[in-house]
Amino acid sequence: MTNVAALRGATTLDADTRDEVMSRTSELLEELMARNGLTTDDVISLLFTATDDVVSEFPAAAVRAAGISDVPMLCARELGIHGDSNIALCIRVMAHVQTGRSRAELRHTYLRGARQLRSDLHE
């Protein structure tokens, strides 16, 4: 049986450059899909947010560059909340997917400096 599920993930950049946005966003999506046994056909939509200090490229551009152009995507600004969850140079994603896995079996993906957002999750 196939369910619609939402997967979360995030990563950080070393610097705000187009190459960093492209490579780190690609790395994040590849890892998210690998951990959950997904293919591009399983992806329904992608919602990206980036902190105010990421201005060099849209994260969705990395997805299009990887040849995935038929998935609806949206990029937005992350809220600039003061506190531990306001990590610099951070890109977050919420992926809506079709999967046969239960919610308990899903593996959200937090890489690099974004690991602190969900240190409660197992790798």
PDB file of N, CA and C in Angstrom:
ATOM      1  N   MET A   1       0.832  -1.172   0.000  1.00  0.00           N
ATOM      2  CA  MET A   1       0.000   0.000   0.000  1.00  0.00           C
ATOM      3  C   MET A   1       0.887   1.249   0.000  1.00  0.00           C
ATOM      4  N   THR A   2       0.534   2.229  -0.811  1.00  0.00           N
ATOM      5  CA  THR A   2       1.305   3.450  -0.905  1.00  0.00           C
ATOM      6  C   THR A   2       0.624   4.564  -0.122  1.00  0.00           C
ATOM      7  N   ASN A   3       1.421   5.266   0.681  1.00  0.00           N
ATOM      8  CA  ASN A   3       0.948   6.400   1.470  1.00  0.00           C
ATOM      9  C   ASN A   3       1.578   7.677   0.940  1.00  0.00           C
ATOM     10  N   VAL A   4       0.938   8.794   1.227  1.00  0.00           N
ATOM     11  CA  VAL A   4       1.569  10.087   1.010  1.00  0.00           C
ATOM     12  C   VAL A   4       2.193  10.475   2.346  1.00  0.00           C
ATOM     13  N   ALA A   5       3.457  10.852   2.316  1.00  0.00           N
ATOM     14  CA  ALA A   5       4.174  11.197   3.543  1.00  0.00           C
ATOM     15  C   ALA A   5       4.998  12.460   3.316  1.00  0.00           C
ATOM     16  N   ALA A   6       5.347  13.101   4.413  1.00  0.00           N
ATOM     17  CA  ALA A   6       6.221  14.272   4.361  1.00  0.00           C
ATOM     18  C   ALA A   6       7.530  13.926   5.047  1.00  0.00           C
ATOM     19  N   LEU A   7       8.621  14.227   4.387  1.00  0.00           N
ATOM     20  CA  LEU A   7       9.963  14.020   4.930  1.00  0.00           C
ATOM     21  C   LEU A   7      10.635  15.369   5.108  1.00  0.00           C
ATOM     22  N   ARG A   8      11.369  15.521   6.197  1.00  0.00           N
ATOM     23  CA  ARG A   8      12.079  16.763   6.466  1.00  0.00           C
ATOM     24  C   ARG A   8      13.574  16.529   6.385  1.00  0.00           C
ATOM     25  N   GLY A   9      14.272  17.611   6.086  1.00  0.00           N
ATOM     26  CA  GLY A   9      15.715  17.559   6.059  1.00  0.00           C
ATOM     27  C   GLY A   9      16.291  18.954   6.029  1.00  0.00           C
ATOM     28  N   ALA A  10      17.573  19.047   6.311  1.00  0.00           N
ATOM     29  CA  ALA A  10      18.264  20.336   6.272  1.00  0.00           C
ATOM     30  C   ALA A  10      19.764  20.101   6.139  1.00  0.00           C
ATOM     31  N   THR A  11      20.422  21.127   5.664  1.00  0.00           N
ATOM     32  CA  THR A  11      21.876  21.117   5.564  1.00  0.00           C
ATOM     33  C   THR A  11      22.376  22.542   5.713  1.00  0.00           C
ATOM     34  N   THR A  12      23.661  22.689   5.845  1.00  0.00           N
ATOM     35  CA  THR A  12      24.259  24.016   5.920  1.00  0.00           C
ATOM     36  C   THR A  12      25.327  24.175   4.844  1.00  0.00           C
ATOM     37  N   LEU A  13      25.632  25.419   4.545  1.00  0.00           N
ATOM     38  CA  LEU A  13      26.661  25.770   3.573  1.00  0.00           C
ATOM     39  C   LEU A  13      27.893  26.280   4.314  1.00  0.00           C
ATOM     40  N   ASP A  14      29.051  26.124   3.699  1.00  0.00           N
ATOM     41  CA  ASP A  14      30.262  26.735   4.241  1.00  0.00           C
ATOM     42  C   ASP A  14      30.320  28.211   3.870  1.00  0.00           C
ATOM     43  N   ALA A  15      29.736  28.542   2.703  1.00  0.00           N
ATOM     44  CA  ALA A  15      29.700  29.921   2.219  1.00  0.00           C
ATOM     45  C   ALA A  15      28.522  30.057   1.268  1.00  0.00           C
ATOM     46  N   ASP A  16      28.013  31.257   1.130  1.00  0.00           N
ATOM     47  CA  ASP A  16      26.899  31.499   0.222  1.00  0.00           C
ATOM     48  C   ASP A  16      27.421  31.693  -1.195  1.00  0.00           C
ATOM     49  N   THR A  17      27.617  30.571  -1.876  1.00  0.00           N
ATOM     50  CA  THR A  17      28.004  30.602  -3.288  1.00  0.00           C
ATOM     51  C   THR A  17      27.044  29.704  -4.055  1.00  0.00           C
ATOM     52  N   ARG A  18      26.924  29.968  -5.334  1.00  0.00           N
ATOM     53  CA  ARG A  18      26.043  29.135  -6.168  1.00  0.00           C
ATOM     54  C   ARG A  18      26.478  27.669  -6.107  1.00  0.00           C
ATOM     55  N   ASP A  19      27.780  27.412  -6.198  1.00  0.00           N
ATOM     56  CA  ASP A  19      28.279  26.035  -6.159  1.00  0.00           C
ATOM     57  C   ASP A  19      27.899  25.338  -4.858  1.00  0.00           C
ATOM     58  N   GLU A  20      28.008  26.050  -3.716  1.00  0.00           N
ATOM     59  CA  GLU A  20      27.641  25.452  -2.421  1.00  0.00           C
ATOM     60  C   GLU A  20      26.149  25.130  -2.371  1.00  0.00           C
ATOM     61  N   VAL A  21      25.307  26.058  -2.816  1.00  0.00           N
ATOM     62  CA  VAL A  21      23.863  25.814  -2.816  1.00  0.00           C
ATOM     63  C   VAL A  21      23.542  24.609  -3.685  1.00  0.00           C
ATOM     64  N   MET A  22      24.130  24.557  -4.848  1.00  0.00           N
ATOM     65  CA  MET A  22      23.864  23.454  -5.780  1.00  0.00           C
ATOM     66  C   MET A  22      24.336  22.122  -5.211  1.00  0.00           C
ATOM     67  N   SER A  23      25.573  22.060  -4.726  1.00  0.00           N
ATOM     68  CA  SER A  23      26.116  20.780  -4.263  1.00  0.00           C
ATOM     69  C   SER A  23      25.474  20.315  -2.959  1.00  0.00           C
ATOM     70  N   ARG A  24      25.267  21.215  -2.013  1.00  0.00           N
ATOM     71  CA  ARG A  24      24.705  20.805  -0.722  1.00  0.00           C
ATOM     72  C   ARG A  24      23.219  20.443  -0.845  1.00  0.00           C
ATOM     73  N   THR A  25      22.484  21.147  -1.701  1.00  0.00           N
ATOM     74  CA  THR A  25      21.078  20.794  -1.914  1.00  0.00           C
ATOM     75  C   THR A  25      20.979  19.430  -2.588  1.00  0.00           C
ATOM     76  N   SER A  26      21.818  19.189  -3.573  1.00  0.00           N
ATOM     77  CA  SER A  26      21.840  17.879  -4.242  1.00  0.00           C
ATOM     78  C   SER A  26      22.191  16.773  -3.262  1.00  0.00           C
ATOM     79  N   GLU A  27      23.206  17.004  -2.443  1.00  0.00           N
ATOM     80  CA  GLU A  27      23.618  16.032  -1.431  1.00  0.00           C
ATOM     81  C   GLU A  27      22.466  15.725  -0.470  1.00  0.00           C
ATOM     82  N   LEU A  28      21.769  16.760  -0.021  1.00  0.00           N
ATOM     83  CA  LEU A  28      20.651  16.583   0.902  1.00  0.00           C
ATOM     84  C   LEU A  28      19.545  15.733   0.280  1.00  0.00           C
ATOM     85  N   LEU A  29      19.161  16.048  -0.935  1.00  0.00           N
ATOM     86  CA  LEU A  29      18.085  15.280  -1.575  1.00  0.00           C
ATOM     87  C   LEU A  29      18.490  13.847  -1.880  1.00  0.00           C
ATOM     88  N   GLU A  30      19.711  13.660  -2.335  1.00  0.00           N
ATOM     89  CA  GLU A  30      20.188  12.302  -2.615  1.00  0.00           C
ATOM     90  C   GLU A  30      20.171  11.456  -1.348  1.00  0.00           C
ATOM     91  N   GLU A  31      20.622  12.020  -0.246  1.00  0.00           N
ATOM     92  CA  GLU A  31      20.653  11.287   1.018  1.00  0.00           C
ATOM     93  C   GLU A  31      19.239  11.012   1.536  1.00  0.00           C
ATOM     94  N   LEU A  32      18.360  11.996   1.439  1.00  0.00           N
ATOM     95  CA  LEU A  32      16.972  11.828   1.868  1.00  0.00           C
ATOM     96  C   LEU A  32      16.293  10.705   1.087  1.00  0.00           C
ATOM     97  N   MET A  33      16.515  10.679  -0.205  1.00  0.00           N
ATOM     98  CA  MET A  33      15.900   9.648  -1.047  1.00  0.00           C
ATOM     99  C   MET A  33      16.530   8.277  -0.802  1.00  0.00           C
ATOM    100  N   ALA A  34      17.842   8.221  -0.648  1.00  0.00           N
ATOM    101  CA  ALA A  34      18.518   6.946  -0.401  1.00  0.00           C
ATOM    102  C   ALA A  34      18.086   6.340   0.932  1.00  0.00           C
ATOM    103  N   ARG A  35      18.026   7.152   1.980  1.00  0.00           N
ATOM    104  CA  ARG A  35      17.635   6.650   3.302  1.00  0.00           C
ATOM    105  C   ARG A  35      16.212   6.108   3.334  1.00  0.00           C
ATOM    106  N   ASN A  36      15.389   6.571   2.391  1.00  0.00           N
ATOM    107  CA  ASN A  36      13.986   6.176   2.387  1.00  0.00           C
ATOM    108  C   ASN A  36      13.604   5.310   1.190  1.00  0.00           C
ATOM    109  N   GLY A  37      14.600   4.862   0.427  1.00  0.00           N
ATOM    110  CA  GLY A  37      14.349   3.970  -0.698  1.00  0.00           C
ATOM    111  C   GLY A  37      13.439   4.568  -1.755  1.00  0.00           C
ATOM    112  N   LEU A  38      13.631   5.849  -2.045  1.00  0.00           N
ATOM    113  CA  LEU A  38      12.761   6.560  -2.982  1.00  0.00           C
ATOM    114  C   LEU A  38      13.430   6.768  -4.332  1.00  0.00           C
ATOM    115  N   THR A  39      12.616   6.909  -5.355  1.00  0.00           N
ATOM    116  CA  THR A  39      13.075   7.330  -6.675  1.00  0.00           C
ATOM    117  C   THR A  39      12.432   8.686  -6.971  1.00  0.00           C
ATOM    118  N   THR A  40      12.870   9.317  -8.025  1.00  0.00           N
ATOM    119  CA  THR A  40      12.291  10.615  -8.370  1.00  0.00           C
ATOM    120  C   THR A  40      10.803  10.500  -8.683  1.00  0.00           C
ATOM    121  N   ASP A  41      10.356   9.350  -9.160  1.00  0.00           N
ATOM    122  CA  ASP A  41       8.928   9.157  -9.435  1.00  0.00           C
ATOM    123  C   ASP A  41       8.089   9.164  -8.167  1.00  0.00           C
ATOM    124  N   ASP A  42       8.699   8.946  -7.007  1.00  0.00           N
ATOM    125  CA  ASP A  42       7.979   8.945  -5.733  1.00  0.00           C
ATOM    126  C   ASP A  42       7.762  10.352  -5.183  1.00  0.00           C
ATOM    127  N   VAL A  43       8.476  11.337  -5.714  1.00  0.00           N
ATOM    128  CA  VAL A  43       8.414  12.695  -5.181  1.00  0.00           C
ATOM    129  C   VAL A  43       7.208  13.431  -5.756  1.00  0.00           C
ATOM    130  N   ILE A  44       6.363  13.943  -4.855  1.00  0.00           N
ATOM    131  CA  ILE A  44       5.169  14.695  -5.249  1.00  0.00           C
ATOM    132  C   ILE A  44       5.490  16.183  -5.359  1.00  0.00           C
ATOM    133  N   SER A  45       6.127  16.733  -4.335  1.00  0.00           N
ATOM    134  CA  SER A  45       6.499  18.147  -4.343  1.00  0.00           C
ATOM    135  C   SER A  45       7.610  18.396  -3.338  1.00  0.00           C
ATOM    136  N   LEU A  46       8.291  19.522  -3.504  1.00  0.00           N
ATOM    137  CA  LEU A  46       9.394  19.909  -2.629  1.00  0.00           C
ATOM    138  C   LEU A  46       9.214  21.365  -2.212  1.00  0.00           C
ATOM    139  N   LEU A  47       9.312  21.609  -0.915  1.00  0.00           N
ATOM    140  CA  LEU A  47       9.265  22.958  -0.371  1.00  0.00           C
ATOM    141  C   LEU A  47      10.597  23.230   0.305  1.00  0.00           C
ATOM    142  N   PHE A  48      11.323  24.226  -0.203  1.00  0.00           N
ATOM    143  CA  PHE A  48      12.611  24.605   0.361  1.00  0.00           C
ATOM    144  C   PHE A  48      12.472  25.926   1.101  1.00  0.00           C
ATOM    145  N   THR A  49      13.210  26.049   2.208  1.00  0.00           N
ATOM    146  CA  THR A  49      13.408  27.350   2.828  1.00  0.00           C
ATOM    147  C   THR A  49      14.904  27.558   2.979  1.00  0.00           C
ATOM    148  N   ALA A  50      15.289  28.827   3.020  1.00  0.00           N
ATOM    149  CA  ALA A  50      16.689  29.177   3.243  1.00  0.00           C
ATOM    150  C   ALA A  50      16.728  30.368   4.188  1.00  0.00           C
ATOM    151  N   THR A  51      17.771  30.420   4.968  1.00  0.00           N
ATOM    152  CA  THR A  51      17.949  31.555   5.870  1.00  0.00           C
ATOM    153  C   THR A  51      18.280  32.804   5.052  1.00  0.00           C
ATOM    154  N   ASP A  52      18.130  33.973   5.670  1.00  0.00           N
ATOM    155  CA  ASP A  52      18.316  35.252   4.974  1.00  0.00           C
ATOM    156  C   ASP A  52      19.700  35.427   4.367  1.00  0.00           C
ATOM    157  N   ASP A  53      20.689  34.686   4.853  1.00  0.00           N
ATOM    158  CA  ASP A  53      22.052  34.831   4.344  1.00  0.00           C
ATOM    159  C   ASP A  53      22.342  33.965   3.124  1.00  0.00           C
ATOM    160  N   VAL A  54      21.357  33.243   2.626  1.00  0.00           N
ATOM    161  CA  VAL A  54      21.510  32.452   1.396  1.00  0.00           C
ATOM    162  C   VAL A  54      20.806  33.222   0.269  1.00  0.00           C
ATOM    163  N   VAL A  55      21.616  33.838  -0.595  1.00  0.00           N
ATOM    164  CA  VAL A  55      21.062  34.669  -1.666  1.00  0.00           C
ATOM    165  C   VAL A  55      21.668  34.378  -3.044  1.00  0.00           C
ATOM    166  N   SER A  56      22.593  33.439  -3.122  1.00  0.00           N
ATOM    167  CA  SER A  56      23.330  33.214  -4.369  1.00  0.00           C
ATOM    168  C   SER A  56      22.576  32.353  -5.382  1.00  0.00           C
ATOM    169  N   GLU A  57      21.626  31.535  -4.926  1.00  0.00           N
ATOM    170  CA  GLU A  57      20.898  30.652  -5.845  1.00  0.00           C
ATOM    171  C   GLU A  57      19.685  30.082  -5.130  1.00  0.00           C
ATOM    172  N   PHE A  58      18.675  29.719  -5.901  1.00  0.00           N
ATOM    173  CA  PHE A  58      17.516  29.013  -5.363  1.00  0.00           C
ATOM    174  C   PHE A  58      17.872  27.545  -5.161  1.00  0.00           C
ATOM    175  N   PRO A  59      17.541  26.946  -4.020  1.00  0.00           N
ATOM    176  CA  PRO A  59      17.796  25.509  -3.846  1.00  0.00           C
ATOM    177  C   PRO A  59      17.122  24.657  -4.927  1.00  0.00           C
ATOM    178  N   ALA A  60      15.981  25.078  -5.404  1.00  0.00           N
ATOM    179  CA  ALA A  60      15.284  24.312  -6.445  1.00  0.00           C
ATOM    180  C   ALA A  60      16.105  24.199  -7.733  1.00  0.00           C
ATOM    181  N   ALA A  61      17.012  25.133  -7.950  1.00  0.00           N
ATOM    182  CA  ALA A  61      17.854  25.076  -9.147  1.00  0.00           C
ATOM    183  C   ALA A  61      18.705  23.813  -9.169  1.00  0.00           C
ATOM    184  N   ALA A  62      19.110  23.337  -8.000  1.00  0.00           N
ATOM    185  CA  ALA A  62      19.906  22.101  -7.924  1.00  0.00           C
ATOM    186  C   ALA A  62      19.082  20.901  -8.362  1.00  0.00           C
ATOM    187  N   VAL A  63      17.815  20.907  -8.030  1.00  0.00           N
ATOM    188  CA  VAL A  63      16.926  19.803  -8.411  1.00  0.00           C
ATOM    189  C   VAL A  63      16.724  19.811  -9.926  1.00  0.00           C
ATOM    190  N   ARG A  64      16.476  20.980 -10.480  1.00  0.00           N
ATOM    191  CA  ARG A  64      16.310  21.085 -11.934  1.00  0.00           C
ATOM    192  C   ARG A  64      17.603  20.697 -12.654  1.00  0.00           C
ATOM    193  N   ALA A  65      18.746  21.096 -12.108  1.00  0.00           N
ATOM    194  CA  ALA A  65      20.029  20.745 -12.728  1.00  0.00           C
ATOM    195  C   ALA A  65      20.265  19.244 -12.727  1.00  0.00           C
ATOM    196  N   ALA A  66      19.673  18.547 -11.746  1.00  0.00           N
ATOM    197  CA  ALA A  66      19.790  17.087 -11.679  1.00  0.00           C
ATOM    198  C   ALA A  66      18.821  16.409 -12.645  1.00  0.00           C
ATOM    199  N   GLY A  67      18.045  17.211 -13.392  1.00  0.00           N
ATOM    200  CA  GLY A  67      17.144  16.647 -14.390  1.00  0.00           C
ATOM    201  C   GLY A  67      15.739  16.380 -13.884  1.00  0.00           C
ATOM    202  N   ILE A  68      15.429  16.835 -12.687  1.00  0.00           N
ATOM    203  CA  ILE A  68      14.082  16.627 -12.138  1.00  0.00           C
ATOM    204  C   ILE A  68      13.316  17.935 -12.338  1.00  0.00           C
ATOM    205  N   SER A  69      12.615  18.013 -13.456  1.00  0.00           N
ATOM    206  CA  SER A  69      11.917  19.258 -13.777  1.00  0.00           C
ATOM    207  C   SER A  69      10.401  19.121 -13.715  1.00  0.00           C
ATOM    208  N   ASP A  70       9.907  17.913 -13.449  1.00  0.00           N
ATOM    209  CA  ASP A  70       8.464  17.700 -13.434  1.00  0.00           C
ATOM    210  C   ASP A  70       7.873  17.648 -12.028  1.00  0.00           C
ATOM    211  N   VAL A  71       8.663  18.016 -11.026  1.00  0.00           N
ATOM    212  CA  VAL A  71       8.198  18.038  -9.632  1.00  0.00           C
ATOM    213  C   VAL A  71       7.927  19.490  -9.238  1.00  0.00           C
ATOM    214  N   PRO A  72       6.726  19.806  -8.752  1.00  0.00           N
ATOM    215  CA  PRO A  72       6.463  21.167  -8.289  1.00  0.00           C
ATOM    216  C   PRO A  72       7.360  21.506  -7.098  1.00  0.00           C
ATOM    217  N   MET A  73       7.970  22.706  -7.148  1.00  0.00           N
ATOM    218  CA  MET A  73       8.877  23.141  -6.083  1.00  0.00           C
ATOM    219  C   MET A  73       8.570  24.591  -5.718  1.00  0.00           C
ATOM    220  N   LEU A  74       8.860  24.913  -4.479  1.00  0.00           N
ATOM    221  CA  LEU A  74       8.690  26.274  -3.985  1.00  0.00           C
ATOM    222  C   LEU A  74       9.850  26.596  -3.062  1.00  0.00           C
ATOM    223  N   CYS A  75      10.414  27.787  -3.207  1.00  0.00           N
ATOM    224  CA  CYS A  75      11.463  28.257  -2.311  1.00  0.00           C
ATOM    225  C   CYS A  75      10.931  29.442  -1.521  1.00  0.00           C
ATOM    226  N   ALA A  76      11.265  29.488  -0.228  1.00  0.00           N
ATOM    227  CA  ALA A  76      10.794  30.557   0.647  1.00  0.00           C
ATOM    228  C   ALA A  76      11.884  30.904   1.655  1.00  0.00           C
ATOM    229  N   ARG A  77      11.686  31.977   2.384  1.00  0.00           N
ATOM    230  CA  ARG A  77      12.594  32.401   3.432  1.00  0.00           C
ATOM    231  C   ARG A  77      12.228  31.726   4.741  1.00  0.00           C
ATOM    232  N   GLU A  78      13.237  31.280   5.455  1.00  0.00           N
ATOM    233  CA  GLU A  78      13.050  30.735   6.800  1.00  0.00           C
ATOM    234  C   GLU A  78      12.814  31.905   7.752  1.00  0.00           C
ATOM    235  N   LEU A  79      11.989  31.715   8.759  1.00  0.00           N
ATOM    236  CA  LEU A  79      11.778  32.752   9.761  1.00  0.00           C
ATOM    237  C   LEU A  79      13.087  33.044  10.488  1.00  0.00           C
ATOM    238  N   GLY A  80      13.349  34.295  10.751  1.00  0.00           N
ATOM    239  CA  GLY A  80      14.585  34.698  11.438  1.00  0.00           C
ATOM    240  C   GLY A  80      14.394  34.734  12.944  1.00  0.00           C
ATOM    241  N   ILE A  81      14.013  33.617  13.514  1.00  0.00           N
ATOM    242  CA  ILE A  81      13.764  33.509  14.945  1.00  0.00           C
ATOM    243  C   ILE A  81      15.099  33.522  15.695  1.00  0.00           C
ATOM    244  N   HIS A  82      15.165  34.247  16.792  1.00  0.00           N
ATOM    245  CA  HIS A  82      16.378  34.250  17.617  1.00  0.00           C
ATOM    246  C   HIS A  82      16.395  32.996  18.474  1.00  0.00           C
ATOM    247  N   GLY A  83      17.516  32.300  18.500  1.00  0.00           N
ATOM    248  CA  GLY A  83      17.643  31.096  19.301  1.00  0.00           C
ATOM    249  C   GLY A  83      18.468  30.038  18.609  1.00  0.00           C
ATOM    250  N   ASP A  84      18.523  28.862  19.214  1.00  0.00           N
ATOM    251  CA  ASP A  84      19.377  27.780  18.735  1.00  0.00           C
ATOM    252  C   ASP A  84      18.986  27.235  17.365  1.00  0.00           C
ATOM    253  N   SER A  85      17.715  27.352  16.976  1.00  0.00           N
ATOM    254  CA  SER A  85      17.286  26.789  15.695  1.00  0.00           C
ATOM    255  C   SER A  85      17.531  27.744  14.531  1.00  0.00           C
ATOM    256  N   ASN A  86      18.043  28.929  14.797  1.00  0.00           N
ATOM    257  CA  ASN A  86      18.364  29.873  13.733  1.00  0.00           C
ATOM    258  C   ASN A  86      19.826  29.689  13.341  1.00  0.00           C
ATOM    259  N   ILE A  87      20.065  28.712  12.498  1.00  0.00           N
ATOM    260  CA  ILE A  87      21.410  28.342  12.064  1.00  0.00           C
ATOM    261  C   ILE A  87      21.761  29.123  10.800  1.00  0.00           C
ATOM    262  N   ALA A  88      22.929  29.689  10.744  1.00  0.00           N
ATOM    263  CA  ALA A  88      23.373  30.440   9.571  1.00  0.00           C
ATOM    264  C   ALA A  88      23.550  29.534   8.360  1.00  0.00           C
ATOM    265  N   LEU A  89      23.341  30.122   7.195  1.00  0.00           N
ATOM    266  CA  LEU A  89      23.568  29.445   5.911  1.00  0.00           C
ATOM    267  C   LEU A  89      22.882  28.077   5.854  1.00  0.00           C
ATOM    268  N   CYS A  90      21.609  28.044   6.205  1.00  0.00           N
ATOM    269  CA  CYS A  90      20.875  26.787   6.318  1.00  0.00           C
ATOM    270  C   CYS A  90      19.780  26.679   5.254  1.00  0.00           C
ATOM    271  N   ILE A  91      19.737  25.528   4.614  1.00  0.00           N
ATOM    272  CA  ILE A  91      18.687  25.193   3.652  1.00  0.00           C
ATOM    273  C   ILE A  91      17.892  24.040   4.236  1.00  0.00           C
ATOM    274  N   ARG A  92      16.575  24.200   4.279  1.00  0.00           N
ATOM    275  CA  ARG A  92      15.680  23.157   4.783  1.00  0.00           C
ATOM    276  C   ARG A  92      14.774  22.698   3.648  1.00  0.00           C
ATOM    277  N   VAL A  93      14.296  21.456   3.748  1.00  0.00           N
ATOM    278  CA  VAL A  93      13.375  20.935   2.753  1.00  0.00           C
ATOM    279  C   VAL A  93      12.265  20.137   3.432  1.00  0.00           C
ATOM    280  N   MET A  94      11.069  20.229   2.861  1.00  0.00           N
ATOM    281  CA  MET A  94       9.991  19.310   3.196  1.00  0.00           C
ATOM    282  C   MET A  94       9.590  18.664   1.875  1.00  0.00           C
ATOM    283  N   ALA A  95       9.766  17.365   1.805  1.00  0.00           N
ATOM    284  CA  ALA A  95       9.455  16.606   0.602  1.00  0.00           C
ATOM    285  C   ALA A  95       8.171  15.815   0.824  1.00  0.00           C
ATOM    286  N   HIS A  96       7.215  16.007  -0.066  1.00  0.00           N
ATOM    287  CA  HIS A  96       6.000  15.198  -0.045  1.00  0.00           C
ATOM    288  C   HIS A  96       6.235  14.043  -1.020  1.00  0.00           C
ATOM    289  N   VAL A  97       6.075  12.832  -0.516  1.00  0.00           N
ATOM    290  CA  VAL A  97       6.430  11.646  -1.304  1.00  0.00           C
ATOM    291  C   VAL A  97       5.356  10.569  -1.203  1.00  0.00           C
ATOM    292  N   GLN A  98       5.427   9.652  -2.155  1.00  0.00           N
ATOM    293  CA  GLN A  98       4.629   8.429  -2.097  1.00  0.00           C
ATOM    294  C   GLN A  98       5.555   7.319  -1.615  1.00  0.00           C
ATOM    295  N   THR A  99       5.110   6.586  -0.609  1.00  0.00           N
ATOM    296  CA  THR A  99       5.963   5.547  -0.050  1.00  0.00           C
ATOM    297  C   THR A  99       5.121   4.428   0.537  1.00  0.00           C
ATOM    298  N   GLY A 100       5.684   3.260   0.592  1.00  0.00           N
ATOM    299  CA  GLY A 100       5.047   2.132   1.258  1.00  0.00           C
ATOM    300  C   GLY A 100       5.451   2.032   2.718  1.00  0.00           C
ATOM    301  N   ARG A 101       6.326   2.910   3.160  1.00  0.00           N
ATOM    302  CA  ARG A 101       6.802   2.878   4.543  1.00  0.00           C
ATOM    303  C   ARG A 101       5.814   3.569   5.478  1.00  0.00           C
ATOM    304  N   SER A 102       5.799   3.082   6.701  1.00  0.00           N
ATOM    305  CA  SER A 102       4.983   3.733   7.727  1.00  0.00           C
ATOM    306  C   SER A 102       5.707   4.985   8.209  1.00  0.00           C
ATOM    307  N   ARG A 103       5.008   5.846   8.918  1.00  0.00           N
ATOM    308  CA  ARG A 103       5.625   7.065   9.440  1.00  0.00           C
ATOM    309  C   ARG A 103       6.811   6.740  10.345  1.00  0.00           C
ATOM    310  N   ALA A 104       6.707   5.670  11.119  1.00  0.00           N
ATOM    311  CA  ALA A 104       7.782   5.277  12.032  1.00  0.00           C
ATOM    312  C   ALA A 104       9.024   4.807  11.276  1.00  0.00           C
ATOM    313  N   GLU A 105       8.868   4.361  10.047  1.00  0.00           N
ATOM    314  CA  GLU A 105       9.993   3.867   9.253  1.00  0.00           C
ATOM    315  C   GLU A 105      10.694   4.969   8.452  1.00  0.00           C
ATOM    316  N   LEU A 106      10.119   6.157   8.384  1.00  0.00           N
ATOM    317  CA  LEU A 106      10.705   7.235   7.605  1.00  0.00           C
ATOM    318  C   LEU A 106      11.957   7.768   8.275  1.00  0.00           C
ATOM    319  N   ARG A 107      12.927   8.161   7.472  1.00  0.00           N
ATOM    320  CA  ARG A 107      14.202   8.662   7.989  1.00  0.00           C
ATOM    321  C   ARG A 107      14.445  10.074   7.482  1.00  0.00           C
ATOM    322  N   HIS A 108      14.207  11.038   8.348  1.00  0.00           N
ATOM    323  CA  HIS A 108      14.477  12.431   8.030  1.00  0.00           C
ATOM    324  C   HIS A 108      15.995  12.624   7.994  1.00  0.00           C
ATOM    325  N   THR A 109      16.441  13.649   7.272  1.00  0.00           N
ATOM    326  CA  THR A 109      17.868  13.780   6.992  1.00  0.00           C
ATOM    327  C   THR A 109      18.379  15.168   7.343  1.00  0.00           C
ATOM    328  N   TYR A 110      19.228  15.232   8.347  1.00  0.00           N
ATOM    329  CA  TYR A 110      19.839  16.490   8.779  1.00  0.00           C
ATOM    330  C   TYR A 110      21.351  16.345   8.679  1.00  0.00           C
ATOM    331  N   LEU A 111      21.949  17.137   7.804  1.00  0.00           N
ATOM    332  CA  LEU A 111      23.367  17.016   7.498  1.00  0.00           C
ATOM    333  C   LEU A 111      24.161  18.223   7.999  1.00  0.00           C
ATOM    334  N   ARG A 112      25.441  18.010   8.173  1.00  0.00           N
ATOM    335  CA  ARG A 112      26.407  19.059   8.513  1.00  0.00           C
ATOM    336  C   ARG A 112      25.950  19.834   9.748  1.00  0.00           C
ATOM    337  N   GLY A 113      26.002  21.145   9.724  1.00  0.00           N
ATOM    338  CA  GLY A 113      25.637  21.958  10.878  1.00  0.00           C
ATOM    339  C   GLY A 113      24.166  21.904  11.231  1.00  0.00           C
ATOM    340  N   ALA A 114      23.350  21.377  10.344  1.00  0.00           N
ATOM    341  CA  ALA A 114      21.908  21.275  10.609  1.00  0.00           C
ATOM    342  C   ALA A 114      21.573  20.082  11.507  1.00  0.00           C
ATOM    343  N   ARG A 115      22.524  19.218  11.786  1.00  0.00           N
ATOM    344  CA  ARG A 115      22.285  18.066  12.665  1.00  0.00           C
ATOM    345  C   ARG A 115      21.738  18.497  14.014  1.00  0.00           C
ATOM    346  N   GLN A 116      22.161  19.662  14.494  1.00  0.00           N
ATOM    347  CA  GLN A 116      21.710  20.123  15.806  1.00  0.00           C
ATOM    348  C   GLN A 116      20.217  20.427  15.843  1.00  0.00           C
ATOM    349  N   LEU A 117      19.591  20.617  14.686  1.00  0.00           N
ATOM    350  CA  LEU A 117      18.145  20.865  14.666  1.00  0.00           C
ATOM    351  C   LEU A 117      17.359  19.657  15.149  1.00  0.00           C
ATOM    352  N   ARG A 118      17.857  18.462  14.846  1.00  0.00           N
ATOM    353  CA  ARG A 118      17.163  17.231  15.225  1.00  0.00           C
ATOM    354  C   ARG A 118      18.162  16.185  15.698  1.00  0.00           C
ATOM    355  N   SER A 119      18.898  16.515  16.731  1.00  0.00           N
ATOM    356  CA  SER A 119      19.880  15.577  17.271  1.00  0.00           C
ATOM    357  C   SER A 119      19.209  14.360  17.895  1.00  0.00           C
ATOM    358  N   ASP A 120      17.888  14.397  18.060  1.00  0.00           N
ATOM    359  CA  ASP A 120      17.151  13.272  18.604  1.00  0.00           C
ATOM    360  C   ASP A 120      16.954  12.155  17.580  1.00  0.00           C
ATOM    361  N   LEU A 121      17.181  12.449  16.302  1.00  0.00           N
ATOM    362  CA  LEU A 121      16.974  11.452  15.247  1.00  0.00           C
ATOM    363  C   LEU A 121      18.248  10.634  15.025  1.00  0.00           C
ATOM    364  N   HIS A 122      18.064   9.342  14.751  1.00  0.00           N
ATOM    365  CA  HIS A 122      19.194   8.467  14.442  1.00  0.00           C
ATOM    366  C   HIS A 122      19.632   8.690  13.018  1.00  0.00           C
ATOM    367  N   GLU A 123      20.913   8.527  12.759  1.00  0.00           N
ATOM    368  CA  GLU A 123      21.454   8.648  11.391  1.00  0.00           C
ATOM    369  C   GLU A 123      20.895   7.596  10.495  1.00  0.00           C
TER     370      GLU A 123
END
